[in-house]
């Protein structure tokens, strides 16, 4: 049985988290607190769900 860390979907999702955090820094102030926060929490939830 493979560990979740070895699954390609886990690795790809985990590697995209820093990219999402980096892109959300450049959002305007309004979107940083709404859309940016939602994107960050959804990405982290994907990793937790796997």
C-alpha atoms as a PDB file:
ATOM      1  CA  UNK A   1       0.000   0.000   0.000  1.00  0.00           C
ATOM      2  CA  UNK A   2       1.384   3.395  -0.974  1.00  0.00           C
ATOM      3  CA  UNK A   3       1.661   6.253   1.459  1.00  0.00           C
ATOM      4  CA  UNK A   4      -0.307   9.335   0.576  1.00  0.00           C
ATOM      5  CA  UNK A   5       2.971  11.258   0.260  1.00  0.00           C
ATOM      6  CA  UNK A   6       3.937   9.105  -2.710  1.00  0.00           C
ATOM      7  CA  UNK A   7       0.730   9.684  -4.672  1.00  0.00           C
ATOM      8  CA  UNK A   8       1.161  11.985  -7.683  1.00  0.00           C
ATOM      9  CA  UNK A   9      -2.028  13.889  -6.890  1.00  0.00           C
ATOM     10  CA  UNK A  10      -0.785  14.611  -3.361  1.00  0.00           C
ATOM     11  CA  UNK A  11       2.647  15.731  -4.540  1.00  0.00           C
ATOM     12  CA  UNK A  12       1.203  17.990  -7.237  1.00  0.00           C
ATOM     13  CA  UNK A  13      -1.306  19.545  -4.859  1.00  0.00           C
ATOM     14  CA  UNK A  14       1.327  20.011  -2.162  1.00  0.00           C
ATOM     15  CA  UNK A  15       3.700  21.651  -4.649  1.00  0.00           C
ATOM     16  CA  UNK A  16       1.011  24.070  -5.830  1.00  0.00           C
ATOM     17  CA  UNK A  17       0.366  25.494  -2.341  1.00  0.00           C
ATOM     18  CA  UNK A  18       3.412  27.826  -2.336  1.00  0.00           C
ATOM     19  CA  UNK A  19       2.461  28.982  -5.844  1.00  0.00           C
ATOM     20  CA  UNK A  20      -1.055  29.852  -4.688  1.00  0.00           C
ATOM     21  CA  UNK A  21       0.312  31.746  -1.685  1.00  0.00           C
ATOM     22  CA  UNK A  22       2.734  33.632  -3.938  1.00  0.00           C
ATOM     23  CA  UNK A  23       0.052  34.616  -6.468  1.00  0.00           C
ATOM     24  CA  UNK A  24      -2.426  35.674  -3.799  1.00  0.00           C
ATOM     25  CA  UNK A  25       0.103  38.201  -2.434  1.00  0.00           C
ATOM     26  CA  UNK A  26      -0.302  40.215  -5.637  1.00  0.00           C
ATOM     27  CA  UNK A  27      -4.096  40.464  -5.376  1.00  0.00           C
ATOM     28  CA  UNK A  28      -5.608  43.805  -4.527  1.00  0.00           C
ATOM     29  CA  UNK A  29      -6.517  44.330  -0.893  1.00  0.00           C
ATOM     30  CA  UNK A  30     -10.197  43.504  -1.389  1.00  0.00           C
ATOM     31  CA  UNK A  31      -9.502  40.210  -3.117  1.00  0.00           C
ATOM     32  CA  UNK A  32      -6.694  39.210  -0.755  1.00  0.00           C
ATOM     33  CA  UNK A  33      -9.131  38.915   2.123  1.00  0.00           C
ATOM     34  CA  UNK A  34     -11.872  37.188   0.153  1.00  0.00           C
ATOM     35  CA  UNK A  35     -10.754  35.267  -2.904  1.00  0.00           C
ATOM     36  CA  UNK A  36      -7.139  34.870  -1.799  1.00  0.00           C
ATOM     37  CA  UNK A  37      -8.102  33.476   1.596  1.00  0.00           C
ATOM     38  CA  UNK A  38     -10.588  31.070   0.006  1.00  0.00           C
ATOM     39  CA  UNK A  39      -7.970  29.828  -2.457  1.00  0.00           C
ATOM     40  CA  UNK A  40      -5.453  29.236   0.335  1.00  0.00           C
ATOM     41  CA  UNK A  41      -7.886  27.413   2.575  1.00  0.00           C
ATOM     42  CA  UNK A  42      -9.197  25.267  -0.307  1.00  0.00           C
ATOM     43  CA  UNK A  43      -5.676  24.238  -1.315  1.00  0.00           C
ATOM     44  CA  UNK A  44      -4.816  23.269   2.238  1.00  0.00           C
ATOM     45  CA  UNK A  45      -8.097  21.382   2.567  1.00  0.00           C
ATOM     46  CA  UNK A  46      -7.270  19.367  -0.571  1.00  0.00           C
ATOM     47  CA  UNK A  47      -3.989  18.200   0.960  1.00  0.00           C
ATOM     48  CA  UNK A  48      -5.725  17.316   4.239  1.00  0.00           C
ATOM     49  CA  UNK A  49      -8.443  15.385   2.419  1.00  0.00           C
ATOM     50  CA  UNK A  50      -5.962  13.200   0.563  1.00  0.00           C
END
